[in-house]
PDB file of N, CA and C in Angstrom:
ATOM      1  N   GLY A   1      82.727 105.253 103.018  1.00  0.00           N
ATOM      2  CA  GLY A   1      81.838 105.162 101.975  1.00  0.00           C
ATOM      3  C   GLY A   1      80.379 105.064 102.287  1.00  0.00           C
ATOM      4  N   GLN A   2      79.779 104.184 101.567  1.00  0.00           N
ATOM      5  CA  GLN A   2      78.329 104.057 101.618  1.00  0.00           C
ATOM      6  C   GLN A   2      77.853 103.052 102.666  1.00  0.00           C
ATOM      7  N   THR A   3      78.573 101.956 102.837  1.00  0.00           N
ATOM      8  CA  THR A   3      78.096 100.885 103.718  1.00  0.00           C
ATOM      9  C   THR A   3      79.072 100.571 104.842  1.00  0.00           C
ATOM     10  N   ASP A   4      79.923 101.510 105.180  1.00  0.00           N
ATOM     11  CA  ASP A   4      80.877 101.270 106.259  1.00  0.00           C
ATOM     12  C   ASP A   4      81.013 102.531 107.107  1.00  0.00           C
ATOM     13  N   MET A   5      81.908 102.493 108.063  1.00  0.00           N
ATOM     14  CA  MET A   5      82.045 103.609 109.000  1.00  0.00           C
ATOM     15  C   MET A   5      82.952 104.717 108.485  1.00  0.00           C
ATOM     16  N   PHE A   6      83.538 104.540 107.302  1.00  0.00           N
ATOM     17  CA  PHE A   6      84.489 105.513 106.782  1.00  0.00           C
ATOM     18  C   PHE A   6      83.799 106.492 105.850  1.00  0.00           C
ATOM     19  N   TRP A   7      84.156 107.775 105.953  1.00  0.00           N
ATOM     20  CA  TRP A   7      83.601 108.779 105.064  1.00  0.00           C
ATOM     21  C   TRP A   7      84.413 108.800 103.773  1.00  0.00           C
ATOM     22  N   ASN A   8      83.759 109.246 102.708  1.00  0.00           N
ATOM     23  CA  ASN A   8      84.470 109.369 101.434  1.00  0.00           C
ATOM     24  C   ASN A   8      85.483 110.492 101.537  1.00  0.00           C
ATOM     25  N   SER A   9      86.748 110.154 101.298  1.00  0.00           N
ATOM     26  CA  SER A   9      87.795 111.156 101.399  1.00  0.00           C
ATOM     27  C   SER A   9      89.022 110.673 100.639  1.00  0.00           C
ATOM     28  N   GLU A  10      89.550 111.522  99.812  1.00  0.00           N
ATOM     29  CA  GLU A  10      90.809 111.206  99.142  1.00  0.00           C
ATOM     30  C   GLU A  10      91.945 111.483 100.118  1.00  0.00           C
ATOM     31  N   PHE A  11      92.917 110.585 100.167  1.00  0.00           N
ATOM     32  CA  PHE A  11      94.046 110.767 101.066  1.00  0.00           C
ATOM     33  C   PHE A  11      95.012 111.767 100.464  1.00  0.00           C
ATOM     34  N   ASN A  12      95.472 112.702 101.295  1.00  0.00           N
ATOM     35  CA  ASN A  12      96.425 113.708 100.873  1.00  0.00           C
ATOM     36  C   ASN A  12      97.582 113.676 101.868  1.00  0.00           C
ATOM     37  N   LEU A  13      98.732 113.177 101.453  1.00  0.00           N
ATOM     38  CA  LEU A  13      99.864 112.988 102.357  1.00  0.00           C
ATOM     39  C   LEU A  13     100.314 114.294 103.000  1.00  0.00           C
ATOM     40  N   LYS A  14     100.478 115.339 102.214  1.00  0.00           N
ATOM     41  CA  LYS A  14     100.925 116.623 102.775  1.00  0.00           C
ATOM     42  C   LYS A  14      99.928 117.133 103.805  1.00  0.00           C
ATOM     43  N   GLN A  15      98.651 117.037 103.496  1.00  0.00           N
ATOM     44  CA  GLN A  15      97.614 117.492 104.428  1.00  0.00           C
ATOM     45  C   GLN A  15      97.651 116.665 105.722  1.00  0.00           C
ATOM     46  N   SER A  16      97.881 115.373 105.606  1.00  0.00           N
ATOM     47  CA  SER A  16      97.952 114.504 106.782  1.00  0.00           C
ATOM     48  C   SER A  16      99.155 114.872 107.655  1.00  0.00           C
ATOM     49  N   ILE A  17     100.302 115.093 107.027  1.00  0.00           N
ATOM     50  CA  ILE A  17     101.513 115.476 107.775  1.00  0.00           C
ATOM     51  C   ILE A  17     101.300 116.822 108.464  1.00  0.00           C
ATOM     52  N   ASP A  18     100.727 117.787 107.733  1.00  0.00           N
ATOM     53  CA  ASP A  18     100.462 119.110 108.309  1.00  0.00           C
ATOM     54  C   ASP A  18      99.477 119.021 109.472  1.00  0.00           C
ATOM     55  N   SER A  19      98.476 118.173 109.341  1.00  0.00           N
ATOM     56  CA  SER A  19      97.471 118.016 110.397  1.00  0.00           C
ATOM     57  C   SER A  19      98.093 117.438 111.670  1.00  0.00           C
ATOM     58  N   CYS A  20      98.936 116.431 111.515  1.00  0.00           N
ATOM     59  CA  CYS A  20      99.615 115.843 112.686  1.00  0.00           C
ATOM     60  C   CYS A  20     100.477 116.890 113.384  1.00  0.00           C
ATOM     61  N   LYS A  21     101.167 117.673 112.583  1.00  0.00           N
ATOM     62  CA  LYS A  21     102.036 118.711 113.153  1.00  0.00           C
ATOM     63  C   LYS A  21     101.206 119.751 113.902  1.00  0.00           C
ATOM     64  N   ALA A  22     100.111 120.189 113.291  1.00  0.00           N
ATOM     65  CA  ALA A  22      99.267 121.220 113.912  1.00  0.00           C
ATOM     66  C   ALA A  22      98.550 120.690 115.150  1.00  0.00           C
ATOM     67  N   SER A  23      98.051 119.462 115.096  1.00  0.00           N
ATOM     68  CA  SER A  23      97.262 118.914 116.201  1.00  0.00           C
ATOM     69  C   SER A  23      98.109 118.391 117.349  1.00  0.00           C
ATOM     70  N   TRP A  24      99.217 117.743 117.029  1.00  0.00           N
ATOM     71  CA  TRP A  24      99.975 117.017 118.040  1.00  0.00           C
ATOM     72  C   TRP A  24     101.428 117.450 118.144  1.00  0.00           C
ATOM     73  N   ASN A  25     101.842 118.393 117.311  1.00  0.00           N
ATOM     74  CA  ASN A  25     103.231 118.808 117.243  1.00  0.00           C
ATOM     75  C   ASN A  25     104.160 117.616 116.957  1.00  0.00           C
ATOM     76  N   VAL A  26     103.691 116.747 116.078  1.00  0.00           N
ATOM     77  CA  VAL A  26     104.429 115.554 115.686  1.00  0.00           C
ATOM     78  C   VAL A  26     104.673 115.626 114.186  1.00  0.00           C
ATOM     79  N   THR A  27     105.886 115.354 113.779  1.00  0.00           N
ATOM     80  CA  THR A  27     106.199 115.292 112.358  1.00  0.00           C
ATOM     81  C   THR A  27     106.111 113.844 111.909  1.00  0.00           C
ATOM     82  N   SER A  28     105.177 113.581 111.026  1.00  0.00           N
ATOM     83  CA  SER A  28     104.960 112.233 110.510  1.00  0.00           C
ATOM     84  C   SER A  28     106.108 111.827 109.591  1.00  0.00           C
ATOM     85  N   HIS A  29     106.447 110.569 109.626  1.00  0.00           N
ATOM     86  CA  HIS A  29     107.480 110.000 108.758  1.00  0.00           C
ATOM     87  C   HIS A  29     106.853 108.841 107.986  1.00  0.00           C
ATOM     88  N   PRO A  30     106.232 109.120 106.849  1.00  0.00           N
ATOM     89  CA  PRO A  30     105.452 108.107 106.151  1.00  0.00           C
ATOM     90  C   PRO A  30     106.240 106.875 105.708  1.00  0.00           C
ATOM     91  N   LEU A  31     107.520 106.986 105.488  1.00  0.00           N
ATOM     92  CA  LEU A  31     108.311 105.842 105.051  1.00  0.00           C
ATOM     93  C   LEU A  31     109.109 105.213 106.191  1.00  0.00           C
ATOM     94  N   TRP A  32     108.785 105.573 107.427  1.00  0.00           N
ATOM     95  CA  TRP A  32     109.552 105.092 108.563  1.00  0.00           C
ATOM     96  C   TRP A  32     109.608 103.563 108.636  1.00  0.00           C
ATOM     97  N   ALA A  33     108.492 102.888 108.486  1.00  0.00           N
ATOM     98  CA  ALA A  33     108.491 101.424 108.599  1.00  0.00           C
ATOM     99  C   ALA A  33     109.382 100.789 107.536  1.00  0.00           C
ATOM    100  N   THR A  34     109.320 101.297 106.327  1.00  0.00           N
ATOM    101  CA  THR A  34     110.163 100.768 105.255  1.00  0.00           C
ATOM    102  C   THR A  34     111.633 101.033 105.535  1.00  0.00           C
ATOM    103  N   ILE A  35     111.930 102.227 106.007  1.00  0.00           N
ATOM    104  CA  ILE A  35     113.322 102.573 106.320  1.00  0.00           C
ATOM    105  C   ILE A  35     113.821 101.741 107.502  1.00  0.00           C
ATOM    106  N   GLU A  36     112.988 101.585 108.524  1.00  0.00           N
ATOM    107  CA  GLU A  36     113.378 100.871 109.742  1.00  0.00           C
ATOM    108  C   GLU A  36     113.536  99.371 109.502  1.00  0.00           C
ATOM    109  N   TRP A  37     112.575  98.773 108.806  1.00  0.00           N
ATOM    110  CA  TRP A  37     112.555  97.318 108.672  1.00  0.00           C
ATOM    111  C   TRP A  37     112.772  96.824 107.251  1.00  0.00           C
ATOM    112  N   GLY A  38     112.966  97.716 106.317  1.00  0.00           N
ATOM    113  CA  GLY A  38     113.183  97.280 104.941  1.00  0.00           C
ATOM    114  C   GLY A  38     111.870  97.051 104.217  1.00  0.00           C
ATOM    115  N   GLY A  39     111.911  96.227 103.236  1.00  0.00           N
ATOM    116  CA  GLY A  39     110.727  95.952 102.450  1.00  0.00           C
ATOM    117  C   GLY A  39     110.996  96.077 100.969  1.00  0.00           C
ATOM    118  N   TYR A  40     112.143  96.638 100.625  1.00  0.00           N
ATOM    119  CA  TYR A  40     112.476  96.771  99.217  1.00  0.00           C
ATOM    120  C   TYR A  40     112.849  95.432  98.592  1.00  0.00           C
ATOM    121  N   ASN A  41     113.334  94.511  99.394  1.00  0.00           N
ATOM    122  CA  ASN A  41     113.775  93.216  98.873  1.00  0.00           C
ATOM    123  C   ASN A  41     112.889  92.112  99.415  1.00  0.00           C
ATOM    124  N   ILE A  42     111.603  92.324  99.320  1.00  0.00           N
ATOM    125  CA  ILE A  42     110.666  91.356  99.887  1.00  0.00           C
ATOM    126  C   ILE A  42     110.741  90.008  99.169  1.00  0.00           C
ATOM    127  N   GLN A  43     111.248  89.991  97.948  1.00  0.00           N
ATOM    128  CA  GLN A  43     111.370  88.745  97.206  1.00  0.00           C
ATOM    129  C   GLN A  43     112.300  87.757  97.896  1.00  0.00           C
ATOM    130  N   SER A  44     113.131  88.230  98.811  1.00  0.00           N
ATOM    131  CA  SER A  44     114.036  87.337  99.531  1.00  0.00           C
ATOM    132  C   SER A  44     113.320  86.607 100.664  1.00  0.00           C
ATOM    133  N   CYS A  45     112.089  86.968 100.930  1.00  0.00           N
ATOM    134  CA  CYS A  45     111.293  86.319 101.979  1.00  0.00           C
ATOM    135  C   CYS A  45     110.497  85.160 101.382  1.00  0.00           C
ATOM    136  N   SER A  46     109.900  84.371 102.256  1.00  0.00           N
ATOM    137  CA  SER A  46     109.068  83.270 101.773  1.00  0.00           C
ATOM    138  C   SER A  46     108.022  82.909 102.825  1.00  0.00           C
ATOM    139  N   ASN A  47     107.026  82.183 102.368  1.00  0.00           N
ATOM    140  CA  ASN A  47     105.990  81.612 103.224  1.00  0.00           C
ATOM    141  C   ASN A  47     105.232  82.660 104.026  1.00  0.00           C
ATOM    142  N   ILE A  48     104.696  83.649 103.312  1.00  0.00           N
ATOM    143  CA  ILE A  48     103.907  84.698 103.940  1.00  0.00           C
ATOM    144  C   ILE A  48     102.603  84.857 103.172  1.00  0.00           C
ATOM    145  N   VAL A  49     101.501  84.902 103.913  1.00  0.00           N
ATOM    146  CA  VAL A  49     100.215  85.289 103.329  1.00  0.00           C
ATOM    147  C   VAL A  49      99.904  86.687 103.845  1.00  0.00           C
ATOM    148  N   PHE A  50      99.816  87.637 102.941  1.00  0.00           N
ATOM    149  CA  PHE A  50      99.454  89.007 103.285  1.00  0.00           C
ATOM    150  C   PHE A  50      97.948  89.129 103.077  1.00  0.00           C
ATOM    151  N   SER A  51      97.198  89.298 104.153  1.00  0.00           N
ATOM    152  CA  SER A  51      95.749  89.423 103.997  1.00  0.00           C
ATOM    153  C   SER A  51      95.338  90.872 104.237  1.00  0.00           C
ATOM    154  N   ASN A  52      94.491  91.352 103.361  1.00  0.00           N
ATOM    155  CA  ASN A  52      93.995  92.724 103.428  1.00  0.00           C
ATOM    156  C   ASN A  52      92.483  92.702 103.259  1.00  0.00           C
ATOM    157  N   GLY A  53      91.783  93.360 104.161  1.00  0.00           N
ATOM    158  CA  GLY A  53      90.352  93.537 103.972  1.00  0.00           C
ATOM    159  C   GLY A  53      90.098  94.749 103.105  1.00  0.00           C
ATOM    160  N   ASP A  54      89.104  94.667 102.238  1.00  0.00           N
ATOM    161  CA  ASP A  54      88.879  95.815 101.362  1.00  0.00           C
ATOM    162  C   ASP A  54      88.251  96.998 102.092  1.00  0.00           C
ATOM    163  N   TYR A  55      87.887  96.828 103.374  1.00  0.00           N
ATOM    164  CA  TYR A  55      87.419  97.962 104.187  1.00  0.00           C
ATOM    165  C   TYR A  55      88.572  98.633 104.938  1.00  0.00           C
ATOM    166  N   ASP A  56      89.786  98.056 104.842  1.00  0.00           N
ATOM    167  CA  ASP A  56      90.938  98.632 105.538  1.00  0.00           C
ATOM    168  C   ASP A  56      91.388  99.904 104.832  1.00  0.00           C
ATOM    169  N   PRO A  57      91.392 101.023 105.525  1.00  0.00           N
ATOM    170  CA  PRO A  57      91.855 102.240 104.862  1.00  0.00           C
ATOM    171  C   PRO A  57      93.350 102.183 104.541  1.00  0.00           C
ATOM    172  N   TRP A  58      94.113 101.362 105.231  1.00  0.00           N
ATOM    173  CA  TRP A  58      95.551 101.288 105.017  1.00  0.00           C
ATOM    174  C   TRP A  58      95.939 100.150 104.082  1.00  0.00           C
ATOM    175  N   SER A  59      94.982  99.394 103.571  1.00  0.00           N
ATOM    176  CA  SER A  59      95.345  98.265 102.715  1.00  0.00           C
ATOM    177  C   SER A  59      96.047  98.714 101.437  1.00  0.00           C
ATOM    178  N   GLY A  60      95.824  99.953 101.027  1.00  0.00           N
ATOM    179  CA  GLY A  60      96.520 100.476  99.854  1.00  0.00           C
ATOM    180  C   GLY A  60      98.022 100.535 100.043  1.00  0.00           C
ATOM    181  N   SER A  61      98.482 100.536 101.283  1.00  0.00           N
ATOM    182  CA  SER A  61      99.917 100.519 101.562  1.00  0.00           C
ATOM    183  C   SER A  61     100.422  99.113 101.817  1.00  0.00           C
ATOM    184  N   GLY A  62      99.525  98.149 101.759  1.00  0.00           N
ATOM    185  CA  GLY A  62      99.912  96.771 102.026  1.00  0.00           C
ATOM    186  C   GLY A  62     100.317  96.040 100.763  1.00  0.00           C
ATOM    187  N   VAL A  63     100.659  94.784 100.928  1.00  0.00           N
ATOM    188  CA  VAL A  63     100.981  93.923  99.793  1.00  0.00           C
ATOM    189  C   VAL A  63      99.647  93.378  99.285  1.00  0.00           C
ATOM    190  N   THR A  64      99.250  93.809  98.112  1.00  0.00           N
ATOM    191  CA  THR A  64      97.929  93.450  97.580  1.00  0.00           C
ATOM    192  C   THR A  64      98.009  92.623  96.298  1.00  0.00           C
ATOM    193  N   GLU A  65      99.219  92.299  95.872  1.00  0.00           N
ATOM    194  CA  GLU A  65      99.404  91.438  94.709  1.00  0.00           C
ATOM    195  C   GLU A  65     100.389  90.339  95.072  1.00  0.00           C
ATOM    196  N   THR A  66     100.045  89.106  94.701  1.00  0.00           N
ATOM    197  CA  THR A  66     100.919  87.972  94.955  1.00  0.00           C
ATOM    198  C   THR A  66     102.239  88.183  94.239  1.00  0.00           C
ATOM    199  N   ILE A  67     103.326  87.933  94.953  1.00  0.00           N
ATOM    200  CA  ILE A  67     104.668  88.189  94.434  1.00  0.00           C
ATOM    201  C   ILE A  67     105.314  86.917  93.903  1.00  0.00           C
ATOM    202  N   SER A  68     105.048  85.790  94.580  1.00  0.00           N
ATOM    203  CA  SER A  68     105.649  84.510  94.176  1.00  0.00           C
ATOM    204  C   SER A  68     104.766  83.386  94.709  1.00  0.00           C
ATOM    205  N   ASP A  69     105.223  82.152  94.496  1.00  0.00           N
ATOM    206  CA  ASP A  69     104.468  80.995  94.987  1.00  0.00           C
ATOM    207  C   ASP A  69     104.410  80.936  96.504  1.00  0.00           C
ATOM    208  N   SER A  70     105.284  81.681  97.178  1.00  0.00           N
ATOM    209  CA  SER A  70     105.273  81.644  98.637  1.00  0.00           C
ATOM    210  C   SER A  70     105.129  83.031  99.274  1.00  0.00           C
ATOM    211  N   LEU A  71     104.790  84.029  98.478  1.00  0.00           N
ATOM    212  CA  LEU A  71     104.449  85.371  98.979  1.00  0.00           C
ATOM    213  C   LEU A  71     103.082  85.705  98.395  1.00  0.00           C
ATOM    214  N   ILE A  72     102.059  85.338  99.144  1.00  0.00           N
ATOM    215  CA  ILE A  72     100.685  85.338  98.658  1.00  0.00           C
ATOM    216  C   ILE A  72      99.940  86.548  99.194  1.00  0.00           C
ATOM    217  N   ALA A  73      99.239  87.236  98.330  1.00  0.00           N
ATOM    218  CA  ALA A  73      98.412  88.371  98.747  1.00  0.00           C
ATOM    219  C   ALA A  73      96.941  88.018  98.574  1.00  0.00           C
ATOM    220  N   LEU A  74      96.169  88.303  99.604  1.00  0.00           N
ATOM    221  CA  LEU A  74      94.724  88.148  99.541  1.00  0.00           C
ATOM    222  C   LEU A  74      94.079  89.491  99.822  1.00  0.00           C
ATOM    223  N   VAL A  75      93.194  89.919  98.956  1.00  0.00           N
ATOM    224  CA  VAL A  75      92.368  91.089  99.218  1.00  0.00           C
ATOM    225  C   VAL A  75      90.965  90.543  99.423  1.00  0.00           C
ATOM    226  N   ILE A  76      90.481  90.676 100.648  1.00  0.00           N
ATOM    227  CA  ILE A  76      89.246  90.003 101.060  1.00  0.00           C
ATOM    228  C   ILE A  76      88.092  90.995 101.021  1.00  0.00           C
ATOM    229  N   SER A  77      87.127  90.731 100.154  1.00  0.00           N
ATOM    230  CA  SER A  77      85.976  91.621 100.076  1.00  0.00           C
ATOM    231  C   SER A  77      85.124  91.487 101.340  1.00  0.00           C
ATOM    232  N   GLU A  78      84.410  92.525 101.650  1.00  0.00           N
ATOM    233  CA  GLU A  78      83.523  92.573 102.825  1.00  0.00           C
ATOM    234  C   GLU A  78      84.268  92.264 104.125  1.00  0.00           C
ATOM    235  N   SER A  79      85.504  92.737 104.200  1.00  0.00           N
ATOM    236  CA  SER A  79      86.317  92.405 105.361  1.00  0.00           C
ATOM    237  C   SER A  79      87.091  93.623 105.836  1.00  0.00           C
ATOM    238  N   ALA A  80      87.348  93.645 107.120  1.00  0.00           N
ATOM    239  CA  ALA A  80      88.160  94.691 107.723  1.00  0.00           C
ATOM    240  C   ALA A  80      89.407  94.044 108.313  1.00  0.00           C
ATOM    241  N   HIS A  81      90.231  94.867 108.884  1.00  0.00           N
ATOM    242  CA  HIS A  81      91.540  94.466 109.397  1.00  0.00           C
ATOM    243  C   HIS A  81      91.452  93.244 110.313  1.00  0.00           C
ATOM    244  N   HIS A  82      92.130  92.178 109.919  1.00  0.00           N
ATOM    245  CA  HIS A  82      92.301  90.953 110.708  1.00  0.00           C
ATOM    246  C   HIS A  82      91.022  90.147 110.914  1.00  0.00           C
ATOM    247  N   LEU A  83      89.947  90.447 110.233  1.00  0.00           N
ATOM    248  CA  LEU A  83      88.727  89.656 110.416  1.00  0.00           C
ATOM    249  C   LEU A  83      88.987  88.190 110.116  1.00  0.00           C
ATOM    250  N   ASP A  84      89.840  87.922 109.136  1.00  0.00           N
ATOM    251  CA  ASP A  84      90.166  86.539 108.792  1.00  0.00           C
ATOM    252  C   ASP A  84      90.944  85.829 109.891  1.00  0.00           C
ATOM    253  N   LEU A  85      91.564  86.589 110.796  1.00  0.00           N
ATOM    254  CA  LEU A  85      92.354  85.988 111.871  1.00  0.00           C
ATOM    255  C   LEU A  85      91.576  85.865 113.180  1.00  0.00           C
ATOM    256  N   PHE A  86      90.380  86.413 113.212  1.00  0.00           N
ATOM    257  CA  PHE A  86      89.519  86.257 114.384  1.00  0.00           C
ATOM    258  C   PHE A  86      88.864  84.876 114.363  1.00  0.00           C
ATOM    259  N   TRP A  87      88.228  84.530 115.457  1.00  0.00           N
ATOM    260  CA  TRP A  87      87.461  83.299 115.523  1.00  0.00           C
ATOM    261  C   TRP A  87      86.339  83.382 114.496  1.00  0.00           C
ATOM    262  N   SER A  88      85.883  82.237 114.047  1.00  0.00           N
ATOM    263  CA  SER A  88      84.822  82.236 113.046  1.00  0.00           C
ATOM    264  C   SER A  88      83.480  82.538 113.709  1.00  0.00           C
ATOM    265  N   HIS A  89      82.565  83.033 112.896  1.00  0.00           N
ATOM    266  CA  HIS A  89      81.225  83.392 113.361  1.00  0.00           C
ATOM    267  C   HIS A  89      80.254  83.077 112.233  1.00  0.00           C
ATOM    268  N   PRO A  90      79.069  82.621 112.557  1.00  0.00           N
ATOM    269  CA  PRO A  90      78.093  82.298 111.495  1.00  0.00           C
ATOM    270  C   PRO A  90      77.803  83.464 110.553  1.00  0.00           C
ATOM    271  N   ASP A  91      77.985  84.693 111.014  1.00  0.00           N
ATOM    272  CA  ASP A  91      77.717  85.854 110.165  1.00  0.00           C
ATOM    273  C   ASP A  91      78.918  86.287 109.319  1.00  0.00           C
ATOM    274  N   ASP A  92      80.028  85.563 109.401  1.00  0.00           N
ATOM    275  CA  ASP A  92      81.189  85.922 108.591  1.00  0.00           C
ATOM    276  C   ASP A  92      80.822  85.856 107.110  1.00  0.00           C
ATOM    277  N   PRO A  93      81.287  86.824 106.335  1.00  0.00           N
ATOM    278  CA  PRO A  93      81.047  86.764 104.896  1.00  0.00           C
ATOM    279  C   PRO A  93      81.736  85.547 104.277  1.00  0.00           C
ATOM    280  N   GLU A  94      81.193  85.055 103.201  1.00  0.00           N
ATOM    281  CA  GLU A  94      81.783  83.921 102.497  1.00  0.00           C
ATOM    282  C   GLU A  94      83.226  84.223 102.087  1.00  0.00           C
ATOM    283  N   SER A  95      83.513  85.470 101.720  1.00  0.00           N
ATOM    284  CA  SER A  95      84.871  85.845 101.319  1.00  0.00           C
ATOM    285  C   SER A  95      85.878  85.598 102.442  1.00  0.00           C
ATOM    286  N   VAL A  96      85.468  85.812 103.676  1.00  0.00           N
ATOM    287  CA  VAL A  96      86.356  85.593 104.827  1.00  0.00           C
ATOM    288  C   VAL A  96      86.565  84.099 105.047  1.00  0.00           C
ATOM    289  N   ARG A  97      85.510  83.308 104.890  1.00  0.00           N
ATOM    290  CA  ARG A  97      85.649  81.851 105.027  1.00  0.00           C
ATOM    291  C   ARG A  97      86.616  81.302 103.977  1.00  0.00           C
ATOM    292  N   ILE A  98      86.487  81.796 102.752  1.00  0.00           N
ATOM    293  CA  ILE A  98      87.377  81.352 101.676  1.00  0.00           C
ATOM    294  C   ILE A  98      88.810  81.770 101.980  1.00  0.00           C
ATOM    295  N   ALA A  99      89.005  82.991 102.476  1.00  0.00           N
ATOM    296  CA  ALA A  99      90.358  83.463 102.816  1.00  0.00           C
ATOM    297  C   ALA A  99      90.974  82.579 103.897  1.00  0.00           C
ATOM    298  N   ARG A 100      90.205  82.229 104.911  1.00  0.00           N
ATOM    299  CA  ARG A 100      90.731  81.358 105.972  1.00  0.00           C
ATOM    300  C   ARG A 100      91.145  80.004 105.408  1.00  0.00           C
ATOM    301  N   ASP A 101      90.311  79.441 104.530  1.00  0.00           N
ATOM    302  CA  ASP A 101      90.646  78.159 103.906  1.00  0.00           C
ATOM    303  C   ASP A 101      91.929  78.276 103.089  1.00  0.00           C
ATOM    304  N   THR A 102      92.074  79.380 102.354  1.00  0.00           N
ATOM    305  CA  THR A 102      93.272  79.610 101.552  1.00  0.00           C
ATOM    306  C   THR A 102      94.495  79.727 102.450  1.00  0.00           C
ATOM    307  N   GLU A 103      94.382  80.499 103.527  1.00  0.00           N
ATOM    308  CA  GLU A 103      95.501  80.661 104.462  1.00  0.00           C
ATOM    309  C   GLU A 103      95.898  79.311 105.058  1.00  0.00           C
ATOM    310  N   ARG A 104      94.901  78.530 105.488  1.00  0.00           N
ATOM    311  CA  ARG A 104      95.191  77.206 106.058  1.00  0.00           C
ATOM    312  C   ARG A 104      95.886  76.312 105.041  1.00  0.00           C
ATOM    313  N   SER A 105      95.438  76.365 103.800  1.00  0.00           N
ATOM    314  CA  SER A 105      96.024  75.515 102.754  1.00  0.00           C
ATOM    315  C   SER A 105      97.494  75.836 102.531  1.00  0.00           C
ATOM    316  N   TYR A 106      97.810  77.125 102.459  1.00  0.00           N
ATOM    317  CA  TYR A 106      99.216  77.504 102.274  1.00  0.00           C
ATOM    318  C   TYR A 106     100.054  77.135 103.483  1.00  0.00           C
ATOM    319  N   ILE A 107      99.551  77.392 104.651  1.00  0.00           N
ATOM    320  CA  ILE A 107     100.315  77.058 105.866  1.00  0.00           C
ATOM    321  C   ILE A 107     100.557  75.551 105.935  1.00  0.00           C
ATOM    322  N   ARG A 108      99.535  74.766 105.640  1.00  0.00           N
ATOM    323  CA  ARG A 108      99.685  73.302 105.640  1.00  0.00           C
ATOM    324  C   ARG A 108     100.727  72.872 104.609  1.00  0.00           C
ATOM    325  N   LEU A 109     100.670  73.452 103.413  1.00  0.00           N
ATOM    326  CA  LEU A 109     101.641  73.143 102.362  1.00  0.00           C
ATOM    327  C   LEU A 109     103.053  73.438 102.837  1.00  0.00           C
ATOM    328  N   TRP A 110     103.251  74.626 103.406  1.00  0.00           N
ATOM    329  CA  TRP A 110     104.591  75.029 103.835  1.00  0.00           C
ATOM    330  C   TRP A 110     105.106  74.176 104.988  1.00  0.00           C
ATOM    331  N   VAL A 111     104.233  73.803 105.905  1.00  0.00           N
ATOM    332  CA  VAL A 111     104.646  72.917 107.001  1.00  0.00           C
ATOM    333  C   VAL A 111     105.013  71.550 106.446  1.00  0.00           C
ATOM    334  N   ASP A 112     104.182  71.023 105.536  1.00  0.00           N
ATOM    335  CA  ASP A 112     104.478  69.720 104.932  1.00  0.00           C
ATOM    336  C   ASP A 112     105.803  69.743 104.171  1.00  0.00           C
ATOM    337  N   GLU A 113     106.049  70.818 103.425  1.00  0.00           N
ATOM    338  CA  GLU A 113     107.318  70.936 102.703  1.00  0.00           C
ATOM    339  C   GLU A 113     108.502  70.968 103.664  1.00  0.00           C
ATOM    340  N   ALA A 114     108.372  71.694 104.765  1.00  0.00           N
ATOM    341  CA  ALA A 114     109.449  71.764 105.757  1.00  0.00           C
ATOM    342  C   ALA A 114     109.669  70.403 106.404  1.00  0.00           C
ATOM    343  N   MET A 115     108.582  69.705 106.701  1.00  0.00           N
ATOM    344  CA  MET A 115     108.710  68.372 107.306  1.00  0.00           C
ATOM    345  C   MET A 115     109.419  67.422 106.338  1.00  0.00           C
ATOM    346  N   GLU A 116     109.065  67.511 105.075  1.00  0.00           N
ATOM    347  CA  GLU A 116     109.702  66.645 104.079  1.00  0.00           C
ATOM    348  C   GLU A 116     111.189  66.965 103.941  1.00  0.00           C
ATOM    349  N   ARG A 117     111.514  68.244 103.885  1.00  0.00           N
ATOM    350  CA  ARG A 117     112.929  68.633 103.800  1.00  0.00           C
ATOM    351  C   ARG A 117     113.704  68.129 105.010  1.00  0.00           C
ATOM    352  N   ASN A 118     113.130  68.277 106.174  1.00  0.00           N
ATOM    353  CA  ASN A 118     113.822  67.885 107.400  1.00  0.00           C
ATOM    354  C   ASN A 118     113.922  66.384 107.552  1.00  0.00           C
ATOM    355  N   SER A 119     112.964  65.647 107.017  1.00  0.00           N
ATOM    356  CA  SER A 119     113.022  64.188 107.139  1.00  0.00           C
ATOM    357  C   SER A 119     114.091  63.603 106.227  1.00  0.00           C
ATOM    358  N   LEU A 120     114.514  64.355 105.208  1.00  0.00           N
ATOM    359  CA  LEU A 120     115.553  63.877 104.304  1.00  0.00           C
ATOM    360  C   LEU A 120     116.948  64.133 104.843  1.00  0.00           C
ATOM    361  N   LYS A 121     117.046  64.924 105.899  1.00  0.00           N
ATOM    362  CA  LYS A 121     118.352  65.214 106.474  1.00  0.00           C
ATOM    363  C   LYS A 121     118.795  64.054 107.372  1.00  0.00           C
ATOM    364  N   PRO A 122     120.077  63.792 107.399  1.00  0.00           N
ATOM    365  CA  PRO A 122     120.546  62.715 108.291  1.00  0.00           C
ATOM    366  C   PRO A 122     120.335  63.117 109.747  1.00  0.00           C
ATOM    367  N   PRO A 123     120.067  62.156 110.593  1.00  0.00           N
ATOM    368  CA  PRO A 123     119.864  62.482 112.010  1.00  0.00           C
ATOM    369  C   PRO A 123     121.132  63.080 112.629  1.00  0.00           C
ATOM    370  N   ILE A 124     120.930  63.922 113.606  1.00  0.00           N
ATOM    371  CA  ILE A 124     122.061  64.528 114.317  1.00  0.00           C
ATOM    372  C   ILE A 124     122.573  63.515 115.329  1.00  0.00           C
ATOM    373  N   THR A 125     123.861  63.300 115.301  1.00  0.00           N
ATOM    374  CA  THR A 125     124.459  62.395 116.298  1.00  0.00           C
ATOM    375  C   THR A 125     125.443  63.173 117.144  1.00  0.00           C
ATOM    376  N   TYR A 126     125.527  62.794 118.369  1.00  0.00           N
ATOM    377  CA  TYR A 126     126.423  63.484 119.310  1.00  0.00           C
ATOM    378  C   TYR A 126     127.496  62.553 119.776  1.00  0.00           C
TER     379      TYR A 126
END
């Protein structure tokens, strides 16, 4: 676009597959990850924060809407891939700082819930 390293371009799946074939003699399999690892029944998972930077060209294929109380989606403005997972820097956008705080809060909640569940279990005796 206008303020990043990416040019304005609409994605065309057929054109992308044809280009890979012509350039590299490789046939792209766009649904390979879903077929290989699933993803249709993501509701059976829990305790995941899916973070997407709005500068990520692939974020459109990511989880960008919260699914449940424990499958959280964050779309982080002014951010690129994994910026929220890097070390902090004074120049980080406020959106990234907020995302990190949100991620920490959920992780802390989930750890606390697991600790509480486990503390209610009777001790293991041998």
